[in-house]
Protein backbone atom coordinates (compact mmCIF):
# COMPACT_ATOMS: atom_id res chain seq x y z
CA UNK A 1 -0.11 0.02 -0.21
CA UNK A 2 3.34 2.81 1.28
CA UNK A 3 5.04 1.76 -2.39
CA UNK A 4 1.35 2.38 -4.73
CA UNK A 5 0.75 5.75 -2.51
CA UNK A 6 4.54 6.70 -3.02
CA UNK A 7 4.21 5.32 -6.71
CA UNK A 8 1.02 8.03 -7.06
CA UNK A 9 2.87 10.54 -5.62
CA UNK A 10 5.70 10.44 -7.98
CA UNK A 11 3.27 9.98 -10.92
CA UNK A 12 1.47 13.44 -9.87
CA UNK A 13 4.51 14.81 -8.89
CA UNK A 14 5.89 14.27 -12.40
CA UNK A 15 2.05 15.52 -13.64
CA UNK A 16 2.71 18.86 -12.00
CA UNK A 17 6.61 18.95 -13.46
CA UNK A 18 5.59 18.49 -16.90
CA UNK A 19 2.53 20.84 -17.09
CA UNK A 20 3.80 24.60 -18.50
CA UNK A 21 4.11 27.43 -16.46
CA UNK A 22 0.99 29.80 -16.38
CA UNK A 23 2.72 32.99 -18.09
CA UNK A 24 1.73 35.11 -15.62
CA UNK A 25 3.21 33.31 -12.79
CA UNK A 26 6.26 34.17 -13.97
CA UNK A 27 8.56 36.62 -11.74
CA UNK A 28 10.84 39.20 -13.36
CA UNK A 29 13.32 41.01 -10.56
CA UNK A 30 13.20 43.77 -13.71
CA UNK A 31 10.19 44.99 -15.95
CA UNK A 32 11.38 47.63 -18.56
CA UNK A 33 8.14 48.06 -21.56
CA UNK A 34 8.15 50.19 -24.08
CA UNK A 35 5.41 51.22 -27.14
CA UNK A 36 5.68 53.72 -29.25
CA UNK A 37 2.86 54.03 -32.38
CA UNK A 38 3.04 56.54 -35.01
CA UNK A 39 0.70 56.99 -37.58
CA UNK A 40 -0.31 59.26 -40.28
CA UNK A 41 -3.19 59.96 -43.13
CA UNK A 42 -4.06 61.70 -45.67
CA UNK A 43 -6.81 62.50 -48.38
CA UNK A 44 -7.73 64.78 -51.13
CA UNK A 45 -10.79 64.92 -53.66
CA UNK A 46 -11.64 67.46 -55.86
CA UNK A 47 -15.32 67.10 -56.93
CA UNK A 48 -15.51 67.54 -60.66
CA UNK A 49 -18.74 70.03 -60.99
CA UNK A 50 -16.76 72.68 -58.97
CA UNK A 51 -18.37 72.07 -55.37
CA UNK A 52 -16.37 73.07 -53.49
CA UNK A 53 -18.28 71.80 -50.53
CA UNK A 54 -17.54 68.84 -51.35
CA UNK A 55 -13.41 69.05 -51.99
CA UNK A 56 -11.55 66.87 -49.43
CA UNK A 57 -8.26 67.87 -48.40
CA UNK A 58 -7.30 66.45 -44.54
CA UNK A 59 -5.02 64.61 -42.89
CA UNK A 60 -4.36 63.09 -39.36
CA UNK A 61 -0.74 62.54 -37.26
CA UNK A 62 -1.09 60.18 -34.87
CA UNK A 63 1.71 59.76 -31.85
CA UNK A 64 1.50 57.33 -28.92
CA UNK A 65 4.07 56.44 -26.83
CA UNK A 66 4.51 54.33 -23.07
CA UNK A 67 7.01 53.41 -20.87
CA UNK A 68 6.53 50.62 -17.76
CA UNK A 69 9.35 50.59 -15.70
CA UNK A 70 9.15 48.50 -12.45
CA UNK A 71 11.80 46.73 -9.89
CA UNK A 72 10.76 45.45 -6.34
CA UNK A 73 12.26 48.82 -5.06
CA UNK A 74 10.81 51.88 -7.33
CA UNK A 75 8.95 52.14 -10.65
CA UNK A 76 7.88 55.20 -12.92
CA UNK A 77 6.02 55.20 -15.79
CA UNK A 78 5.81 57.66 -19.27
CA UNK A 79 2.36 57.91 -21.15
CA UNK A 80 2.88 61.07 -24.20
CA UNK A 81 0.28 60.79 -26.90
CA UNK A 82 -0.62 63.29 -29.59
CA UNK A 83 -3.39 63.36 -32.21
CA UNK A 84 -3.30 66.11 -35.08
CA UNK A 85 -6.24 67.15 -37.69
CA UNK A 86 -5.26 68.66 -40.45
CA UNK A 87 -7.63 70.24 -42.38
CA UNK A 88 -6.67 72.86 -45.51
CA UNK A 89 -10.39 73.58 -45.86
CA UNK A 90 -11.65 74.07 -42.39
CA UNK A 91 -10.59 73.87 -38.96
CA UNK A 92 -8.05 72.00 -38.23
CA UNK A 93 -7.65 70.51 -34.26
CA UNK A 94 -5.22 68.76 -32.18
CA UNK A 95 -4.81 67.39 -28.51
CA UNK A 96 -1.66 66.73 -26.89
CA UNK A 97 -1.39 64.62 -23.68
CA UNK A 98 1.46 64.04 -21.14
CA UNK A 99 0.89 61.59 -17.93
CA UNK A 100 4.24 60.63 -15.75
CA UNK A 101 4.53 59.44 -12.04
CA UNK A 102 7.29 58.03 -10.26
CA UNK A 103 6.44 55.44 -6.80
CA UNK A 104 7.78 53.88 -4.09
CA UNK A 105 6.82 50.39 -2.72
CA UNK A 106 7.14 51.03 0.41
CA UNK A 107 8.89 47.14 1.08
CA UNK A 108 10.54 45.41 -2.09
CA UNK A 109 8.29 42.39 -0.65
CA UNK A 110 4.72 44.02 -0.83
CA UNK A 111 2.66 46.17 -3.54
CA UNK A 112 1.71 48.49 -1.87
CA UNK A 113 3.26 52.35 -2.69
CA UNK A 114 3.14 55.62 -2.93
CA UNK A 115 3.67 58.38 -5.57
CA UNK A 116 4.18 61.23 -6.89
CA UNK A 117 3.31 62.61 -10.76
CA UNK A 118 2.66 65.37 -13.80
CA UNK A 119 0.44 65.74 -16.07
CA UNK A 120 -0.18 68.28 -18.99
CA UNK A 121 -2.63 68.61 -21.48
CA UNK A 122 -3.28 70.74 -24.79
CA UNK A 123 -6.17 71.15 -26.97
CA UNK A 124 -7.20 72.90 -29.37
CA UNK A 125 -10.62 73.39 -27.48
CA UNK A 126 -8.93 74.15 -24.57
CA UNK A 127 -8.09 78.15 -23.33
CA UNK A 128 -5.13 77.28 -22.69
CA UNK A 129 -2.42 74.70 -21.34
CA UNK A 130 -3.35 72.79 -18.43
CA UNK A 131 -0.59 71.27 -15.92
CA UNK A 132 -0.70 69.80 -12.72
CA UNK A 133 0.87 67.68 -10.15
CA UNK A 134 -0.24 64.93 -8.22
CA UNK A 135 1.05 62.69 -5.30
CA UNK A 136 -0.92 59.53 -3.16
CA UNK A 137 -1.31 56.49 -2.49
CA UNK A 138 -1.91 52.64 -4.84
CA UNK A 139 -1.49 49.10 -4.64
CA UNK A 140 -0.13 46.76 -7.58
CA UNK A 141 2.46 45.80 -9.28
CA UNK A 142 3.74 44.64 -13.13
CA UNK A 143 5.49 42.18 -13.96
CA UNK A 144 7.15 41.51 -17.44
CA UNK A 145 6.37 37.86 -18.93
CA UNK A 146 7.85 38.34 -21.47
CA UNK A 147 10.80 36.15 -21.23
CA UNK A 148 8.78 33.17 -20.54
CA UNK A 149 6.23 34.16 -23.58
CA UNK A 150 9.33 34.02 -25.42
CA UNK A 151 10.47 30.43 -23.99
CA UNK A 152 7.21 29.46 -24.94
CA UNK A 153 6.70 29.98 -27.82
CA UNK A 154 9.63 28.42 -28.90
CA UNK A 155 8.61 25.44 -27.07
CA UNK A 156 5.50 25.20 -29.17
CA UNK A 157 7.80 26.33 -32.54
CA UNK A 158 9.74 23.16 -32.01
CA UNK A 159 6.85 20.45 -30.69
CA UNK A 160 4.88 21.67 -33.47
CA UNK A 161 7.64 20.90 -36.10
CA UNK A 162 8.41 17.75 -34.28
CA UNK A 163 11.66 18.59 -33.85
CA UNK A 164 10.48 17.69 -29.60
CA UNK A 165 9.42 14.33 -28.69
CA UNK A 166 7.61 16.30 -26.11
CA UNK A 167 7.32 20.02 -24.59
CA UNK A 168 9.70 21.05 -22.29
CA UNK A 169 9.46 20.57 -18.77
CA UNK A 170 8.26 23.60 -16.78
CA UNK A 171 12.43 23.84 -15.08
CA UNK A 172 13.58 23.90 -18.69
CA UNK A 173 11.34 26.66 -19.19
CA UNK A 174 12.03 28.78 -16.56
CA UNK A 175 15.65 28.47 -17.44
CA UNK A 176 15.37 29.20 -20.35
CA UNK A 177 12.86 32.07 -19.02
CA UNK A 178 15.95 33.08 -17.18
CA UNK A 179 18.37 33.37 -19.79
CA UNK A 180 16.20 35.28 -22.18
CA UNK A 181 15.31 37.61 -19.64
CA UNK A 182 19.18 38.27 -18.97
CA UNK A 183 19.96 38.27 -22.59
CA UNK A 184 21.86 41.95 -21.61
CA UNK A 185 25.01 39.65 -20.09
CA UNK A 186 25.72 38.13 -23.29
CA UNK A 187 28.11 39.72 -25.32
CA UNK A 188 26.45 38.99 -28.71
CA UNK A 189 23.44 37.57 -29.74
CA UNK A 190 25.14 34.32 -31.21
CA UNK A 191 26.23 33.95 -27.30
CA UNK A 192 22.24 33.86 -26.04
CA UNK A 193 21.32 31.15 -29.02
CA UNK A 194 24.13 28.95 -28.15
CA UNK A 195 22.78 29.70 -24.58
CA UNK A 196 18.87 28.08 -25.99
CA UNK A 197 20.15 25.70 -27.62
CA UNK A 198 22.42 23.91 -25.17
CA UNK A 199 19.46 24.34 -22.55
CA UNK A 200 17.15 22.21 -25.12
CA UNK A 201 19.08 20.21 -26.25
CA UNK A 202 20.16 18.88 -22.95
CA UNK A 203 16.31 18.42 -21.99
CA UNK A 204 16.62 15.02 -23.86
CA UNK A 205 13.77 15.99 -25.93
CA UNK A 206 15.59 17.04 -29.40
CA UNK A 207 14.28 14.34 -31.37
CA UNK A 208 17.62 14.07 -33.23
CA UNK A 209 19.87 15.19 -30.59
CA UNK A 210 21.04 18.63 -32.37
CA UNK A 211 18.42 21.05 -33.30
CA UNK A 212 19.84 22.14 -37.24
CA UNK A 213 20.82 25.84 -39.14
CA UNK A 214 16.99 26.26 -39.88
CA UNK A 215 16.32 25.67 -35.97
CA UNK A 216 18.19 28.08 -34.91
CA UNK A 217 17.24 30.57 -37.36
CA UNK A 218 13.60 30.03 -36.34
CA UNK A 219 14.68 31.01 -32.04
CA UNK A 220 16.55 34.20 -34.01
CA UNK A 221 13.93 35.00 -35.00
CA UNK A 222 12.10 34.43 -32.02
CA UNK A 223 14.39 36.43 -29.90
CA UNK A 224 15.02 39.23 -32.04
CA UNK A 225 10.97 40.15 -32.47
CA UNK A 226 11.64 43.04 -29.97
CA UNK A 227 7.60 44.26 -30.84
CA UNK A 228 7.11 41.50 -29.27
CA UNK A 229 5.92 41.74 -25.62
CA UNK A 230 3.78 40.52 -23.00
CA UNK A 231 2.98 41.05 -19.15
CA UNK A 232 0.69 41.28 -16.59
CA UNK A 233 -0.39 42.08 -13.30
CA UNK A 234 -2.72 45.23 -11.52
CA UNK A 235 -2.35 48.75 -9.74
CA UNK A 236 -5.01 51.43 -8.63
CA UNK A 237 -4.25 54.43 -6.83
CA UNK A 238 -6.09 57.64 -5.74
CA UNK A 239 -4.06 60.63 -4.71
CA UNK A 240 -4.49 64.45 -4.31
CA UNK A 241 -3.39 67.15 -6.88
CA UNK A 242 -3.09 70.85 -8.07
CA UNK A 243 -4.05 72.97 -10.80
CA UNK A 244 -0.67 74.75 -12.16
CA UNK A 245 -2.56 76.15 -14.98
CA UNK A 246 -6.11 75.50 -15.65
CA UNK A 247 -7.03 74.72 -19.09
CA UNK A 248 -10.75 76.40 -19.08
CA UNK A 249 -8.57 79.86 -17.50
CA UNK A 250 -10.69 79.74 -13.90
CA UNK A 251 -9.03 79.48 -10.96
CA UNK A 252 -6.49 76.98 -10.25
CA UNK A 253 -8.30 73.53 -8.04
CA UNK A 254 -8.04 71.03 -5.26
CA UNK A 255 -8.08 67.76 -7.64
CA UNK A 256 -8.73 64.25 -6.86
CA UNK A 257 -7.14 61.83 -9.06
CA UNK A 258 -7.72 58.43 -9.05
CA UNK A 259 -5.83 55.95 -12.00
CA UNK A 260 -6.21 51.77 -12.40
CA UNK A 261 -4.25 49.44 -14.99
CA UNK A 262 -4.68 45.38 -15.76
CA UNK A 263 -2.69 43.46 -17.79
CA UNK A 264 -3.41 40.09 -18.49
CA UNK A 265 -2.30 36.64 -20.91
CA UNK A 266 -3.18 33.05 -20.60
CA UNK A 267 -0.98 32.56 -24.00
CA UNK A 268 2.05 33.89 -25.87
CA UNK A 269 -0.53 35.15 -28.28
CA UNK A 270 -2.94 36.97 -26.84
CA UNK A 271 -2.49 39.76 -24.47
CA UNK A 272 -5.30 41.95 -22.65
CA UNK A 273 -4.89 45.44 -20.92
CA UNK A 274 -6.85 47.65 -19.65
CA UNK A 275 -6.12 51.25 -17.98
CA UNK A 276 -8.37 54.01 -17.22
CA UNK A 277 -7.97 57.09 -14.86
CA UNK A 278 -10.17 59.85 -13.22
CA UNK A 279 -9.71 63.89 -12.03
CA UNK A 280 -11.21 66.61 -11.08
CA UNK A 281 -12.47 69.40 -8.08
CA UNK A 282 -13.58 68.66 -4.75
CA UNK A 283 -16.65 68.80 -6.96
CA UNK A 284 -16.39 66.03 -9.50
CA UNK A 285 -19.90 65.86 -11.10
CA UNK A 286 -19.55 69.36 -12.31
CA UNK A 287 -16.14 69.28 -13.91
CA UNK A 288 -14.49 65.92 -14.12
CA UNK A 289 -12.22 64.25 -17.02
CA UNK A 290 -11.94 60.07 -17.62
CA UNK A 291 -10.25 58.56 -20.29
CA UNK A 292 -10.53 54.68 -20.53
CA UNK A 293 -8.60 51.89 -22.53
CA UNK A 294 -8.88 48.83 -23.34
CA UNK A 295 -6.59 46.69 -26.01
CA UNK A 296 -6.57 43.02 -27.02
CA UNK A 297 -3.86 41.72 -28.98
CA UNK A 298 -4.06 38.09 -30.61
CA UNK A 299 -1.33 36.36 -32.72
CA UNK A 300 -3.70 34.26 -34.89
CA UNK A 301 -0.96 32.12 -36.69
CA UNK A 302 2.66 33.04 -38.03
CA UNK A 303 1.10 34.79 -40.49
CA UNK A 304 -1.77 36.47 -39.29
CA UNK A 305 -2.05 38.80 -36.39
CA UNK A 306 -5.15 40.52 -34.75
CA UNK A 307 -6.02 43.56 -32.83
CA UNK A 308 -8.72 45.79 -31.48
CA UNK A 309 -9.03 48.34 -28.83
CA UNK A 310 -11.63 50.76 -27.68
CA UNK A 311 -10.99 54.27 -26.19
CA UNK A 312 -13.63 56.51 -24.28
CA UNK A 313 -13.18 60.23 -23.03
CA UNK A 314 -15.25 62.30 -21.55
CA UNK A 315 -14.77 65.89 -20.33
CA UNK A 316 -17.43 67.44 -18.54
CA UNK A 317 -17.66 70.82 -17.46
CA UNK A 318 -19.91 72.80 -16.25
CA UNK A 319 -21.91 69.45 -15.73
CA UNK A 320 -21.97 69.65 -19.31
CA UNK A 321 -20.28 65.80 -20.18
CA UNK A 322 -18.88 65.76 -23.84
CA UNK A 323 -18.14 61.93 -24.64
CA UNK A 324 -15.65 61.11 -27.74
CA UNK A 325 -15.71 56.97 -28.92
CA UNK A 326 -13.41 55.74 -30.58
CA UNK A 327 -13.22 51.61 -32.14
CA UNK A 328 -10.18 50.37 -33.68
CA UNK A 329 -10.03 47.03 -35.36
CA UNK A 330 -6.52 46.02 -37.55
CA UNK A 331 -5.22 42.61 -39.36
CA UNK A 332 -2.16 42.28 -40.38
CA UNK A 333 -1.80 39.24 -42.82
CA UNK A 334 2.23 38.48 -43.22
CA UNK A 335 2.96 35.84 -46.29
CA UNK A 336 6.26 36.54 -46.55
CA UNK A 337 8.96 37.35 -44.33
CA UNK A 338 9.43 40.87 -46.93
CA UNK A 339 5.64 41.62 -47.44
CA UNK A 340 2.91 42.73 -44.92
CA UNK A 341 -0.80 43.42 -46.15
CA UNK A 342 -2.92 45.59 -43.14
CA UNK A 343 -6.80 45.76 -43.57
CA UNK A 344 -7.95 48.76 -40.07
CA UNK A 345 -11.21 49.63 -39.29
CA UNK A 346 -11.55 52.82 -37.19
CA UNK A 347 -14.77 54.04 -36.04
CA UNK A 348 -14.72 56.95 -34.21
CA UNK A 349 -18.21 59.08 -32.52
CA UNK A 350 -17.47 62.40 -30.96
CA UNK A 351 -20.03 65.64 -29.72
CA UNK A 352 -22.69 65.96 -32.05
CA UNK A 353 -21.93 64.16 -35.17
CA UNK A 354 -24.74 62.43 -36.49
CA UNK A 355 -23.36 59.06 -37.41
CA UNK A 356 -19.84 57.33 -36.57
CA UNK A 357 -17.25 58.06 -39.06
CA UNK A 358 -15.76 55.41 -40.43
CA UNK A 359 -12.25 54.98 -42.07
CA UNK A 360 -11.13 51.27 -43.65
CA UNK A 361 -7.71 51.34 -44.35
CA UNK A 362 -5.86 48.70 -47.27
CA UNK A 363 -2.10 49.10 -46.66
CA UNK A 364 0.29 46.33 -48.83
CA UNK A 365 3.81 47.08 -47.88
CA UNK A 366 6.98 45.13 -49.61
CA UNK A 367 11.00 44.80 -48.99
CA UNK A 368 12.63 44.72 -52.46
CA UNK A 369 15.95 44.91 -51.85
């Protein structure tokens, strides 16, 4: 009986060890993520019947930048956004915002922190530049799980192409993630590739005992994909701020501020992000600003990537809210390494719009040399 129980316990241990490590259970001592998106569109239409009202000569330029840095002791985040609507026949409009905060954890092993930050906004609809500072307390922490996500992608690719007899053990994936996460300690990318190759081959699951040149080229492609990031965690913070400059040109107020962020992923192919914030004087129902973003990124296959994003913003002045809704859906098809085909759909509804604006774009890019 004891022997049977011992065998059963051993099978349970092996089964648990063989299971993949949940990505959000991975802990990295350093999280340093950044994202920069730039887009430009332009349209010109000259009405052949000479109607100036039907002429179109307009464009849009957008820049969005986010940076998230976190260590056990401290962290900071930066967010910059600029949207410029250009019209040579009508009114042009712009909206620029910059937010940043520094947080200090009360202890390295806990998620409670104190923070201080600043915010600046400028818009063609504002009377002046808006600048405010704030400070407060928060709870939560983010962690970069990209190293484990990359290790899992490499494992899945090798197993799918039958280069491995079985998926790598959880311990092997953790070792791979540790080496990938410490890539800065390697002098060259080739040194990192050699370390990854040795870990995979020493697992005992490499089908022929060694990986060939094509396998290593595929692994190099995964490690070189700087645009691939995955992270998990959440944080929420509340604080008190002060308007250095009021965008409406009115008196400077004491502000109540709050924000939350959430990130989750169950597999390397998916990422779900939500972030929101609010600010306003003591009478929040009279004057306030609310922002909310929800984004989902899914890699369908090696050749197809889908992205969906919903953005909501509200500015309330004298109890009159103005809401802006925007939905972006994009599909990127990569039939060849040197070619991309993208199809995007953007829907936007602003105050006084009778209908949603619809923007459909088809783009094709080919690298010839």
